[in-house]
Structures are given as structure tokens and as C-alpha cells.
């Protein structure tokens, strides 16, 4: 069983930064860890992923801004989000396969 938990969300002004943390536990073979977000009234969208060999991919709207990386503990994944914009406001989730964490809220005010 895989358990995921996100943390690090909060409320910031536009231009501010947050670092989200995804902590995974349980039995996991090599997996891709992905970040998704869902804004009010919108569908959940993929944001970024990091593979078992630390290859990263990003959706166009965050490419060059957000950075996903692995912590010293293999199953701690971070997403550093500088230069935040109001349109980044959403509930952010991490996911491995069909497993999801409960999410962490990010709110960016203009």
C-alpha cells in the first residue's frame, strides 16, 4: 500500500514562492511521481513529473518557473514554485500511479 501526503501550501502574494513537499511511504517499485492541481470550477490538470532516474517534465504554464526535485530521502519529492501568479491558485496533489494524497492548498493573491 502506498501512502502520499502533501505539505507546504499557503497563501502568498503574486511574485512570492512556495515549496511543496510530497512524502510517500509504502512499497513502491520505480515509479513516476507527478504533481497535479485543481482550481475551483476547473478540471484537475497535470503540472509536473519526476521519474525514477530524476528526469523531469513540466506543463507549459510552469516550465521555467517550477522545479521538481528529489530530496535526500528517496521518496520525498519537492516542487519549488517561485514567481507565483494568481492563476497558480489551486489545490495541489502528488500522485504515484493511481494513488493520490489529500492535497495542499496554494492561494496566490494579486
PDB file of N, CA and C in Angstrom:
ATOM      1  N   UNK A   1       0.850  -1.192   0.000  1.00  0.00           N
ATOM      2  CA  UNK A   1       0.000   0.000   0.000  1.00  0.00           C
ATOM      3  C   UNK A   1       0.886   1.243   0.000  1.00  0.00           C
ATOM      4  N   UNK A   2       0.548   2.188  -0.855  1.00  0.00           N
ATOM      5  CA  UNK A   2       1.296   3.432  -0.964  1.00  0.00           C
ATOM      6  C   UNK A   2       0.499   4.549  -0.305  1.00  0.00           C
ATOM      7  N   UNK A   3       1.162   5.332   0.525  1.00  0.00           N
ATOM      8  CA  UNK A   3       0.533   6.493   1.151  1.00  0.00           C
ATOM      9  C   UNK A   3       1.278   7.744   0.728  1.00  0.00           C
ATOM     10  N   UNK A   4       0.517   8.748   0.385  1.00  0.00           N
ATOM     11  CA  UNK A   4       1.094  10.013  -0.060  1.00  0.00           C
ATOM     12  C   UNK A   4       0.549  11.148   0.781  1.00  0.00           C
ATOM     13  N   UNK A   5       1.399  12.121   1.053  1.00  0.00           N
ATOM     14  CA  UNK A   5       0.950  13.289   1.787  1.00  0.00           C
ATOM     15  C   UNK A   5       1.675  14.517   1.281  1.00  0.00           C
ATOM     16  N   UNK A   6       0.920  15.548   0.979  1.00  0.00           N
ATOM     17  CA  UNK A   6       1.489  16.805   0.533  1.00  0.00           C
ATOM     18  C   UNK A   6       1.521  17.794   1.691  1.00  0.00           C
ATOM     19  N   UNK A   7       2.462  18.718   1.625  1.00  0.00           N
ATOM     20  CA  UNK A   7       2.536  19.810   2.599  1.00  0.00           C
ATOM     21  C   UNK A   7       3.234  20.987   1.943  1.00  0.00           C
ATOM     22  N   UNK A   8       3.187  22.143   2.611  1.00  0.00           N
ATOM     23  CA  UNK A   8       3.910  23.308   2.130  1.00  0.00           C
ATOM     24  C   UNK A   8       3.061  24.362   1.459  1.00  0.00           C
ATOM     25  N   UNK A   9       1.781  24.085   1.291  1.00  0.00           N
ATOM     26  CA  UNK A   9       0.908  25.081   0.687  1.00  0.00           C
ATOM     27  C   UNK A   9       0.728  26.280   1.607  1.00  0.00           C
ATOM     28  N   UNK A  10       0.096  27.314   1.079  1.00  0.00           N
ATOM     29  CA  UNK A  10      -0.144  28.508   1.867  1.00  0.00           C
ATOM     30  C   UNK A  10      -0.678  29.624   1.004  1.00  0.00           C
ATOM     31  N   UNK A  11      -0.741  30.797   1.609  1.00  0.00           N
ATOM     32  CA  UNK A  11      -1.218  31.990   0.910  1.00  0.00           C
ATOM     33  C   UNK A  11      -0.063  32.958   0.743  1.00  0.00           C
ATOM     34  N   UNK A  12       0.161  33.373  -0.488  1.00  0.00           N
ATOM     35  CA  UNK A  12       1.240  34.310  -0.788  1.00  0.00           C
ATOM     36  C   UNK A  12       0.733  35.358  -1.765  1.00  0.00           C
ATOM     37  N   UNK A  13       1.469  36.439  -1.858  1.00  0.00           N
ATOM     38  CA  UNK A  13       1.158  37.437  -2.872  1.00  0.00           C
ATOM     39  C   UNK A  13       1.827  37.058  -4.187  1.00  0.00           C
ATOM     40  N   UNK A  14       1.312  37.599  -5.261  1.00  0.00           N
ATOM     41  CA  UNK A  14       1.902  37.359  -6.570  1.00  0.00           C
ATOM     42  C   UNK A  14       3.387  37.702  -6.541  1.00  0.00           C
ATOM     43  N   UNK A  15       4.179  36.854  -7.154  1.00  0.00           N
ATOM     44  CA  UNK A  15       5.615  37.020  -7.136  1.00  0.00           C
ATOM     45  C   UNK A  15       6.302  36.275  -6.022  1.00  0.00           C
ATOM     46  N   UNK A  16       5.518  35.781  -5.076  1.00  0.00           N
ATOM     47  CA  UNK A  16       6.080  35.035  -3.961  1.00  0.00           C
ATOM     48  C   UNK A  16       6.423  33.611  -4.354  1.00  0.00           C
ATOM     49  N   UNK A  17       6.918  32.863  -3.384  1.00  0.00           N
ATOM     50  CA  UNK A  17       7.362  31.499  -3.649  1.00  0.00           C
ATOM     51  C   UNK A  17       6.878  30.553  -2.561  1.00  0.00           C
ATOM     52  N   UNK A  18       6.660  29.326  -2.939  1.00  0.00           N
ATOM     53  CA  UNK A  18       6.355  28.248  -2.002  1.00  0.00           C
ATOM     54  C   UNK A  18       7.108  27.000  -2.448  1.00  0.00           C
ATOM     55  N   UNK A  19       7.369  26.125  -1.487  1.00  0.00           N
ATOM     56  CA  UNK A  19       7.927  24.818  -1.812  1.00  0.00           C
ATOM     57  C   UNK A  19       6.995  23.763  -1.246  1.00  0.00           C
ATOM     58  N   UNK A  20       6.455  22.971  -2.162  1.00  0.00           N
ATOM     59  CA  UNK A  20       5.578  21.875  -1.762  1.00  0.00           C
ATOM     60  C   UNK A  20       6.408  20.613  -1.557  1.00  0.00           C
ATOM     61  N   UNK A  21       5.951  19.807  -0.631  1.00  0.00           N
ATOM     62  CA  UNK A  21       6.606  18.535  -0.337  1.00  0.00           C
ATOM     63  C   UNK A  21       5.606  17.409  -0.502  1.00  0.00           C
ATOM     64  N   UNK A  22       6.043  16.353  -1.163  1.00  0.00           N
ATOM     65  CA  UNK A  22       5.263  15.128  -1.271  1.00  0.00           C
ATOM     66  C   UNK A  22       6.058  14.026  -0.586  1.00  0.00           C
ATOM     67  N   UNK A  23       5.468  13.450   0.436  1.00  0.00           N
ATOM     68  CA  UNK A  23       6.120  12.362   1.156  1.00  0.00           C
ATOM     69  C   UNK A  23       5.364  11.082   0.864  1.00  0.00           C
ATOM     70  N   UNK A  24       6.101  10.093   0.389  1.00  0.00           N
ATOM     71  CA  UNK A  24       5.488   8.818   0.039  1.00  0.00           C
ATOM     72  C   UNK A  24       6.016   7.723   0.952  1.00  0.00           C
ATOM     73  N   UNK A  25       5.169   6.798   1.278  1.00  0.00           N
ATOM     74  CA  UNK A  25       5.593   5.662   2.085  1.00  0.00           C
ATOM     75  C   UNK A  25       4.879   4.415   1.587  1.00  0.00           C
ATOM     76  N   UNK A  26       5.457   3.273   1.930  1.00  0.00           N
ATOM     77  CA  UNK A  26       4.876   2.027   1.471  1.00  0.00           C
ATOM     78  C   UNK A  26       5.772   1.359   0.461  1.00  0.00           C
ATOM     79  N   UNK A  27       5.326   0.245  -0.058  1.00  0.00           N
ATOM     80  CA  UNK A  27       6.127  -0.491  -1.020  1.00  0.00           C
ATOM     81  C   UNK A  27       5.957   0.115  -2.395  1.00  0.00           C
ATOM     82  N   UNK A  28       7.050   0.588  -2.959  1.00  0.00           N
ATOM     83  CA  UNK A  28       6.979   1.222  -4.262  1.00  0.00           C
ATOM     84  C   UNK A  28       8.142   0.785  -5.133  1.00  0.00           C
ATOM     85  N   UNK A  29       7.867   0.111  -6.233  1.00  0.00           N
ATOM     86  CA  UNK A  29       8.936  -0.093  -7.213  1.00  0.00           C
ATOM     87  C   UNK A  29       9.209   1.239  -7.902  1.00  0.00           C
ATOM     88  N   UNK A  30      10.108   1.262  -8.854  1.00  0.00           N
ATOM     89  CA  UNK A  30      10.420   2.515  -9.543  1.00  0.00           C
ATOM     90  C   UNK A  30       9.148   3.114 -10.121  1.00  0.00           C
ATOM     91  N   UNK A  31       8.905   4.362  -9.827  1.00  0.00           N
ATOM     92  CA  UNK A  31       7.669   4.999 -10.249  1.00  0.00           C
ATOM     93  C   UNK A  31       7.922   6.441 -10.648  1.00  0.00           C
ATOM     94  N   UNK A  32       6.996   6.943 -11.422  1.00  0.00           N
ATOM     95  CA  UNK A  32       6.972   8.362 -11.721  1.00  0.00           C
ATOM     96  C   UNK A  32       6.109   9.040 -10.645  1.00  0.00           C
ATOM     97  N   UNK A  33       6.616  10.123 -10.069  1.00  0.00           N
ATOM     98  CA  UNK A  33       5.849  10.922  -9.125  1.00  0.00           C
ATOM     99  C   UNK A  33       5.402  12.182  -9.846  1.00  0.00           C
ATOM    100  N   UNK A  34       4.125  12.442  -9.791  1.00  0.00           N
ATOM    101  CA  UNK A  34       3.570  13.582 -10.518  1.00  0.00           C
ATOM    102  C   UNK A  34       2.871  14.549  -9.583  1.00  0.00           C
ATOM    103  N   UNK A  35       2.886  15.796  -9.978  1.00  0.00           N
ATOM    104  CA  UNK A  35       2.116  16.846  -9.312  1.00  0.00           C
ATOM    105  C   UNK A  35       0.966  17.248 -10.221  1.00  0.00           C
ATOM    106  N   UNK A  36      -0.202  17.383  -9.628  1.00  0.00           N
ATOM    107  CA  UNK A  36      -1.381  17.875 -10.316  1.00  0.00           C
ATOM    108  C   UNK A  36      -1.948  19.041  -9.504  1.00  0.00           C
ATOM    109  N   UNK A  37      -2.827  19.790 -10.127  1.00  0.00           N
ATOM    110  CA  UNK A  37      -3.521  20.843  -9.392  1.00  0.00           C
ATOM    111  C   UNK A  37      -4.936  20.978  -9.921  1.00  0.00           C
ATOM    112  N   UNK A  38      -5.794  21.455  -9.047  1.00  0.00           N
ATOM    113  CA  UNK A  38      -7.184  21.677  -9.440  1.00  0.00           C
ATOM    114  C   UNK A  38      -7.647  22.998  -8.853  1.00  0.00           C
ATOM    115  N   UNK A  39      -7.971  23.910  -9.745  1.00  0.00           N
ATOM    116  CA  UNK A  39      -8.504  25.200  -9.343  1.00  0.00           C
ATOM    117  C   UNK A  39     -10.021  25.092  -9.209  1.00  0.00           C
ATOM    118  N   UNK A  40     -10.631  25.967  -8.421  1.00  0.00           N
ATOM    119  CA  UNK A  40     -12.088  25.923  -8.255  1.00  0.00           C
ATOM    120  C   UNK A  40     -12.804  26.011  -9.594  1.00  0.00           C
ATOM    121  N   UNK A  41     -13.723  25.099  -9.819  1.00  0.00           N
ATOM    122  CA  UNK A  41     -14.502  25.121 -11.040  1.00  0.00           C
ATOM    123  C   UNK A  41     -13.780  24.598 -12.268  1.00  0.00           C
ATOM    124  N   UNK A  42     -12.581  24.092 -12.086  1.00  0.00           N
ATOM    125  CA  UNK A  42     -11.809  23.593 -13.235  1.00  0.00           C
ATOM    126  C   UNK A  42     -11.435  22.136 -13.027  1.00  0.00           C
ATOM    127  N   UNK A  43     -11.060  21.507 -14.122  1.00  0.00           N
ATOM    128  CA  UNK A  43     -10.627  20.113 -14.048  1.00  0.00           C
ATOM    129  C   UNK A  43      -9.210  20.033 -13.469  1.00  0.00           C
ATOM    130  N   UNK A  44      -8.929  18.898 -12.879  1.00  0.00           N
ATOM    131  CA  UNK A  44      -7.580  18.664 -12.386  1.00  0.00           C
ATOM    132  C   UNK A  44      -6.625  18.624 -13.574  1.00  0.00           C
ATOM    133  N   UNK A  45      -5.482  19.290 -13.446  1.00  0.00           N
ATOM    134  CA  UNK A  45      -4.510  19.315 -14.541  1.00  0.00           C
ATOM    135  C   UNK A  45      -3.148  18.860 -14.044  1.00  0.00           C
ATOM    136  N   UNK A  46      -2.440  18.202 -14.932  1.00  0.00           N
ATOM    137  CA  UNK A  46      -1.073  17.771 -14.643  1.00  0.00           C
ATOM    138  C   UNK A  46      -0.158  18.980 -14.632  1.00  0.00           C
ATOM    139  N   UNK A  47       0.772  19.013 -13.675  1.00  0.00           N
ATOM    140  CA  UNK A  47       1.693  20.127 -13.551  1.00  0.00           C
ATOM    141  C   UNK A  47       3.127  19.701 -13.881  1.00  0.00           C
ATOM    142  N   UNK A  48       3.580  18.617 -13.277  1.00  0.00           N
ATOM    143  CA  UNK A  48       4.975  18.212 -13.460  1.00  0.00           C
ATOM    144  C   UNK A  48       5.149  16.778 -12.986  1.00  0.00           C
ATOM    145  N   UNK A  49       6.227  16.154 -13.464  1.00  0.00           N
ATOM    146  CA  UNK A  49       6.552  14.797 -13.050  1.00  0.00           C
ATOM    147  C   UNK A  49       8.051  14.634 -12.902  1.00  0.00           C
ATOM    148  N   UNK A  50       8.425  13.677 -12.069  1.00  0.00           N
ATOM    149  CA  UNK A  50       9.824  13.288 -11.955  1.00  0.00           C
ATOM    150  C   UNK A  50       9.866  11.767 -11.987  1.00  0.00           C
ATOM    151  N   UNK A  51      10.736  11.244 -12.831  1.00  0.00           N
ATOM    152  CA  UNK A  51      10.820   9.798 -12.982  1.00  0.00           C
ATOM    153  C   UNK A  51      11.839   9.217 -12.009  1.00  0.00           C
ATOM    154  N   UNK A  52      11.954   7.884 -12.009  1.00  0.00           N
ATOM    155  CA  UNK A  52      12.856   7.217 -11.077  1.00  0.00           C
ATOM    156  C   UNK A  52      14.315   7.597 -11.328  1.00  0.00           C
ATOM    157  N   UNK A  53      14.632   8.033 -12.573  1.00  0.00           N
ATOM    158  CA  UNK A  53      16.003   8.453 -12.865  1.00  0.00           C
ATOM    159  C   UNK A  53      16.139   9.974 -12.781  1.00  0.00           C
ATOM    160  N   UNK A  54      15.159  10.628 -12.161  1.00  0.00           N
ATOM    161  CA  UNK A  54      15.146  12.074 -11.917  1.00  0.00           C
ATOM    162  C   UNK A  54      14.952  12.916 -13.179  1.00  0.00           C
ATOM    163  N   UNK A  55      14.487  12.305 -14.247  1.00  0.00           N
ATOM    164  CA  UNK A  55      14.080  13.085 -15.414  1.00  0.00           C
ATOM    165  C   UNK A  55      12.807  13.838 -15.056  1.00  0.00           C
ATOM    166  N   UNK A  56      12.760  15.127 -15.375  1.00  0.00           N
ATOM    167  CA  UNK A  56      11.591  15.942 -15.038  1.00  0.00           C
ATOM    168  C   UNK A  56      10.907  16.460 -16.299  1.00  0.00           C
ATOM    169  N   UNK A  57       9.608  16.622 -16.210  1.00  0.00           N
ATOM    170  CA  UNK A  57       8.814  17.211 -17.280  1.00  0.00           C
ATOM    171  C   UNK A  57       7.814  18.159 -16.638  1.00  0.00           C
ATOM    172  N   UNK A  58       7.416  19.170 -17.403  1.00  0.00           N
ATOM    173  CA  UNK A  58       6.544  20.225 -16.885  1.00  0.00           C
ATOM    174  C   UNK A  58       5.492  20.615 -17.913  1.00  0.00           C
ATOM    175  N   UNK A  59       4.345  21.033 -17.410  1.00  0.00           N
ATOM    176  CA  UNK A  59       3.371  21.610 -18.310  1.00  0.00           C
ATOM    177  C   UNK A  59       3.880  22.989 -18.741  1.00  0.00           C
ATOM    178  N   UNK A  60       3.436  23.445 -19.879  1.00  0.00           N
ATOM    179  CA  UNK A  60       3.989  24.679 -20.445  1.00  0.00           C
ATOM    180  C   UNK A  60       3.824  25.893 -19.522  1.00  0.00           C
ATOM    181  N   UNK A  61       2.732  25.956 -18.793  1.00  0.00           N
ATOM    182  CA  UNK A  61       2.456  27.151 -17.989  1.00  0.00           C
ATOM    183  C   UNK A  61       3.408  27.309 -16.796  1.00  0.00           C
ATOM    184  N   UNK A  62       4.121  26.252 -16.436  1.00  0.00           N
ATOM    185  CA  UNK A  62       5.048  26.350 -15.303  1.00  0.00           C
ATOM    186  C   UNK A  62       6.485  26.065 -15.720  1.00  0.00           C
ATOM    187  N   UNK A  63       6.695  25.669 -16.949  1.00  0.00           N
ATOM    188  CA  UNK A  63       8.039  25.348 -17.414  1.00  0.00           C
ATOM    189  C   UNK A  63       8.920  26.579 -17.288  1.00  0.00           C
ATOM    190  N   UNK A  64      10.081  26.413 -16.699  1.00  0.00           N
ATOM    191  CA  UNK A  64      10.984  27.539 -16.483  1.00  0.00           C
ATOM    192  C   UNK A  64      10.731  28.271 -15.187  1.00  0.00           C
ATOM    193  N   UNK A  65       9.602  27.980 -14.523  1.00  0.00           N
ATOM    194  CA  UNK A  65       9.321  28.577 -13.205  1.00  0.00           C
ATOM    195  C   UNK A  65       9.413  27.549 -12.096  1.00  0.00           C
ATOM    196  N   UNK A  66       8.663  26.479 -12.212  1.00  0.00           N
ATOM    197  CA  UNK A  66       8.624  25.466 -11.161  1.00  0.00           C
ATOM    198  C   UNK A  66       9.765  24.475 -11.361  1.00  0.00           C
ATOM    199  N   UNK A  67      10.238  23.938 -10.250  1.00  0.00           N
ATOM    200  CA  UNK A  67      11.284  22.922 -10.293  1.00  0.00           C
ATOM    201  C   UNK A  67      10.897  21.772  -9.375  1.00  0.00           C
ATOM    202  N   UNK A  68      10.892  20.567  -9.928  1.00  0.00           N
ATOM    203  CA  UNK A  68      10.627  19.355  -9.159  1.00  0.00           C
ATOM    204  C   UNK A  68      11.947  18.646  -8.922  1.00  0.00           C
ATOM    205  N   UNK A  69      12.157  18.219  -7.695  1.00  0.00           N
ATOM    206  CA  UNK A  69      13.401  17.514  -7.406  1.00  0.00           C
ATOM    207  C   UNK A  69      13.180  16.564  -6.243  1.00  0.00           C
ATOM    208  N   UNK A  70      14.118  15.631  -6.156  1.00  0.00           N
ATOM    209  CA  UNK A  70      14.013  14.605  -5.121  1.00  0.00           C
ATOM    210  C   UNK A  70      14.859  15.009  -3.912  1.00  0.00           C
ATOM    211  N   UNK A  71      14.350  14.769  -2.743  1.00  0.00           N
ATOM    212  CA  UNK A  71      15.089  15.071  -1.531  1.00  0.00           C
ATOM    213  C   UNK A  71      16.094  13.993  -1.200  1.00  0.00           C
ATOM    214  N   UNK A  72      16.798  14.206  -0.101  1.00  0.00           N
ATOM    215  CA  UNK A  72      17.798  13.234   0.328  1.00  0.00           C
ATOM    216  C   UNK A  72      17.146  11.883   0.607  1.00  0.00           C
ATOM    217  N   UNK A  73      15.949  11.915   1.153  1.00  0.00           N
ATOM    218  CA  UNK A  73      15.161  10.696   1.321  1.00  0.00           C
ATOM    219  C   UNK A  73      14.491  10.426  -0.014  1.00  0.00           C
ATOM    220  N   UNK A  74      14.720   9.253  -0.561  1.00  0.00           N
ATOM    221  CA  UNK A  74      14.319   8.962  -1.933  1.00  0.00           C
ATOM    222  C   UNK A  74      12.859   9.279  -2.203  1.00  0.00           C
ATOM    223  N   UNK A  75      11.988   9.027  -1.269  1.00  0.00           N
ATOM    224  CA  UNK A  75      10.568   9.189  -1.536  1.00  0.00           C
ATOM    225  C   UNK A  75      10.025  10.482  -0.949  1.00  0.00           C
ATOM    226  N   UNK A  76      10.877  11.502  -0.900  1.00  0.00           N
ATOM    227  CA  UNK A  76      10.427  12.855  -0.623  1.00  0.00           C
ATOM    228  C   UNK A  76      10.681  13.669  -1.879  1.00  0.00           C
ATOM    229  N   UNK A  77       9.610  14.170  -2.440  1.00  0.00           N
ATOM    230  CA  UNK A  77       9.678  14.928  -3.686  1.00  0.00           C
ATOM    231  C   UNK A  77       9.255  16.356  -3.398  1.00  0.00           C
ATOM    232  N   UNK A  78      10.014  17.305  -3.896  1.00  0.00           N
ATOM    233  CA  UNK A  78       9.707  18.710  -3.700  1.00  0.00           C
ATOM    234  C   UNK A  78       9.305  19.348  -5.029  1.00  0.00           C
ATOM    235  N   UNK A  79       8.500  20.370  -4.927  1.00  0.00           N
ATOM    236  CA  UNK A  79       8.229  21.228  -6.078  1.00  0.00           C
ATOM    237  C   UNK A  79       8.375  22.676  -5.612  1.00  0.00           C
ATOM    238  N   UNK A  80       9.429  23.309  -6.097  1.00  0.00           N
ATOM    239  CA  UNK A  80       9.707  24.696  -5.753  1.00  0.00           C
ATOM    240  C   UNK A  80       8.981  25.583  -6.758  1.00  0.00           C
ATOM    241  N   UNK A  81       8.199  26.531  -6.245  1.00  0.00           N
ATOM    242  CA  UNK A  81       7.347  27.363  -7.085  1.00  0.00           C
ATOM    243  C   UNK A  81       7.624  28.836  -6.795  1.00  0.00           C
ATOM    244  N   UNK A  82       8.558  29.429  -7.537  1.00  0.00           N
ATOM    245  CA  UNK A  82       8.790  30.867  -7.376  1.00  0.00           C
ATOM    246  C   UNK A  82       7.901  31.646  -8.347  1.00  0.00           C
ATOM    247  N   UNK A  83       7.929  32.947  -8.249  1.00  0.00           N
ATOM    248  CA  UNK A  83       7.208  33.811  -9.195  1.00  0.00           C
ATOM    249  C   UNK A  83       5.758  33.387  -9.341  1.00  0.00           C
ATOM    250  N   UNK A  84       5.124  33.116  -8.233  1.00  0.00           N
ATOM    251  CA  UNK A  84       3.748  32.630  -8.289  1.00  0.00           C
ATOM    252  C   UNK A  84       2.801  33.684  -8.828  1.00  0.00           C
ATOM    253  N   UNK A  85       1.785  33.205  -9.543  1.00  0.00           N
ATOM    254  CA  UNK A  85       0.782  34.059 -10.160  1.00  0.00           C
ATOM    255  C   UNK A  85      -0.590  33.699  -9.606  1.00  0.00           C
ATOM    256  N   UNK A  86      -1.536  34.616  -9.657  1.00  0.00           N
ATOM    257  CA  UNK A  86      -2.886  34.283  -9.172  1.00  0.00           C
ATOM    258  C   UNK A  86      -3.459  33.047  -9.856  1.00  0.00           C
ATOM    259  N   UNK A  87      -3.121  32.840 -11.105  1.00  0.00           N
ATOM    260  CA  UNK A  87      -3.641  31.671 -11.823  1.00  0.00           C
ATOM    261  C   UNK A  87      -3.015  30.358 -11.362  1.00  0.00           C
ATOM    262  N   UNK A  88      -2.025  30.426 -10.487  1.00  0.00           N
ATOM    263  CA  UNK A  88      -1.469  29.212  -9.886  1.00  0.00           C
ATOM    264  C   UNK A  88      -2.286  28.755  -8.681  1.00  0.00           C
ATOM    265  N   UNK A  89      -3.250  29.551  -8.282  1.00  0.00           N
ATOM    266  CA  UNK A  89      -4.100  29.188  -7.142  1.00  0.00           C
ATOM    267  C   UNK A  89      -4.846  27.895  -7.432  1.00  0.00           C
ATOM    268  N   UNK A  90      -4.685  26.921  -6.550  1.00  0.00           N
ATOM    269  CA  UNK A  90      -5.304  25.606  -6.743  1.00  0.00           C
ATOM    270  C   UNK A  90      -4.992  24.727  -5.552  1.00  0.00           C
ATOM    271  N   UNK A  91      -5.660  23.593  -5.526  1.00  0.00           N
ATOM    272  CA  UNK A  91      -5.309  22.517  -4.600  1.00  0.00           C
ATOM    273  C   UNK A  91      -4.306  21.636  -5.336  1.00  0.00           C
ATOM    274  N   UNK A  92      -3.150  21.458  -4.759  1.00  0.00           N
ATOM    275  CA  UNK A  92      -2.072  20.714  -5.391  1.00  0.00           C
ATOM    276  C   UNK A  92      -1.982  19.312  -4.788  1.00  0.00           C
ATOM    277  N   UNK A  93      -1.855  18.332  -5.682  1.00  0.00           N
ATOM    278  CA  UNK A  93      -1.786  16.922  -5.289  1.00  0.00           C
ATOM    279  C   UNK A  93      -0.507  16.301  -5.834  1.00  0.00           C
ATOM    280  N   UNK A  94       0.024  15.329  -5.108  1.00  0.00           N
ATOM    281  CA  UNK A  94       1.027  14.476  -5.719  1.00  0.00           C
ATOM    282  C   UNK A  94       0.402  13.095  -5.936  1.00  0.00           C
ATOM    283  N   UNK A  95       0.958  12.399  -6.904  1.00  0.00           N
ATOM    284  CA  UNK A  95       0.375  11.133  -7.317  1.00  0.00           C
ATOM    285  C   UNK A  95       1.457  10.162  -7.750  1.00  0.00           C
ATOM    286  N   UNK A  96       1.258   8.895  -7.415  1.00  0.00           N
ATOM    287  CA  UNK A  96       2.063   7.794  -7.943  1.00  0.00           C
ATOM    288  C   UNK A  96       1.074   6.748  -8.421  1.00  0.00           C
ATOM    289  N   UNK A  97       1.107   6.515  -9.733  1.00  0.00           N
ATOM    290  CA  UNK A  97       0.144   5.576 -10.298  1.00  0.00           C
ATOM    291  C   UNK A  97      -1.269   6.054 -10.032  1.00  0.00           C
ATOM    292  N   UNK A  98      -2.082   5.187  -9.408  1.00  0.00           N
ATOM    293  CA  UNK A  98      -3.459   5.575  -9.111  1.00  0.00           C
ATOM    294  C   UNK A  98      -3.630   6.018  -7.657  1.00  0.00           C
ATOM    295  N   UNK A  99      -2.529   6.302  -6.997  1.00  0.00           N
ATOM    296  CA  UNK A  99      -2.578   6.760  -5.611  1.00  0.00           C
ATOM    297  C   UNK A  99      -2.433   8.275  -5.557  1.00  0.00           C
ATOM    298  N   UNK A 100      -3.191   8.878  -4.663  1.00  0.00           N
ATOM    299  CA  UNK A 100      -3.200  10.332  -4.528  1.00  0.00           C
ATOM    300  C   UNK A 100      -3.093  10.704  -3.052  1.00  0.00           C
ATOM    301  N   UNK A 101      -2.457  11.859  -2.816  1.00  0.00           N
ATOM    302  CA  UNK A 101      -2.506  12.430  -1.493  1.00  0.00           C
ATOM    303  C   UNK A 101      -3.756  13.284  -1.350  1.00  0.00           C
ATOM    304  N   UNK A 102      -4.002  13.814  -0.151  1.00  0.00           N
ATOM    305  CA  UNK A 102      -5.195  14.629   0.079  1.00  0.00           C
ATOM    306  C   UNK A 102      -5.095  16.039  -0.499  1.00  0.00           C
ATOM    307  N   UNK A 103      -3.891  16.478  -0.834  1.00  0.00           N
ATOM    308  CA  UNK A 103      -3.722  17.799  -1.431  1.00  0.00           C
ATOM    309  C   UNK A 103      -3.298  18.864  -0.435  1.00  0.00           C
ATOM    310  N   UNK A 104      -2.719  19.927  -0.962  1.00  0.00           N
ATOM    311  CA  UNK A 104      -2.346  21.097  -0.158  1.00  0.00           C
ATOM    312  C   UNK A 104      -2.730  22.345  -0.943  1.00  0.00           C
ATOM    313  N   UNK A 105      -3.347  23.294  -0.267  1.00  0.00           N
ATOM    314  CA  UNK A 105      -3.899  24.467  -0.942  1.00  0.00           C
ATOM    315  C   UNK A 105      -2.834  25.531  -1.157  1.00  0.00           C
ATOM    316  N   UNK A 106      -2.802  26.048  -2.354  1.00  0.00           N
ATOM    317  CA  UNK A 106      -1.946  27.182  -2.700  1.00  0.00           C
ATOM    318  C   UNK A 106      -2.853  28.318  -3.146  1.00  0.00           C
ATOM    319  N   UNK A 107      -2.728  29.464  -2.500  1.00  0.00           N
ATOM    320  CA  UNK A 107      -3.529  30.625  -2.852  1.00  0.00           C
ATOM    321  C   UNK A 107      -2.597  31.799  -3.107  1.00  0.00           C
ATOM    322  N   UNK A 108      -2.711  32.375  -4.289  1.00  0.00           N
ATOM    323  CA  UNK A 108      -1.858  33.489  -4.689  1.00  0.00           C
ATOM    324  C   UNK A 108      -2.747  34.699  -4.925  1.00  0.00           C
ATOM    325  N   UNK A 109      -2.510  35.748  -4.197  1.00  0.00           N
ATOM    326  CA  UNK A 109      -3.307  36.963  -4.332  1.00  0.00           C
ATOM    327  C   UNK A 109      -2.561  37.995  -5.166  1.00  0.00           C
ATOM    328  N   UNK A 110      -3.330  38.791  -5.866  1.00  0.00           N
ATOM    329  CA  UNK A 110      -2.722  39.808  -6.750  1.00  0.00           C
ATOM    330  C   UNK A 110      -2.482  41.092  -5.995  1.00  0.00           C
TER     331      UNK A 110
END
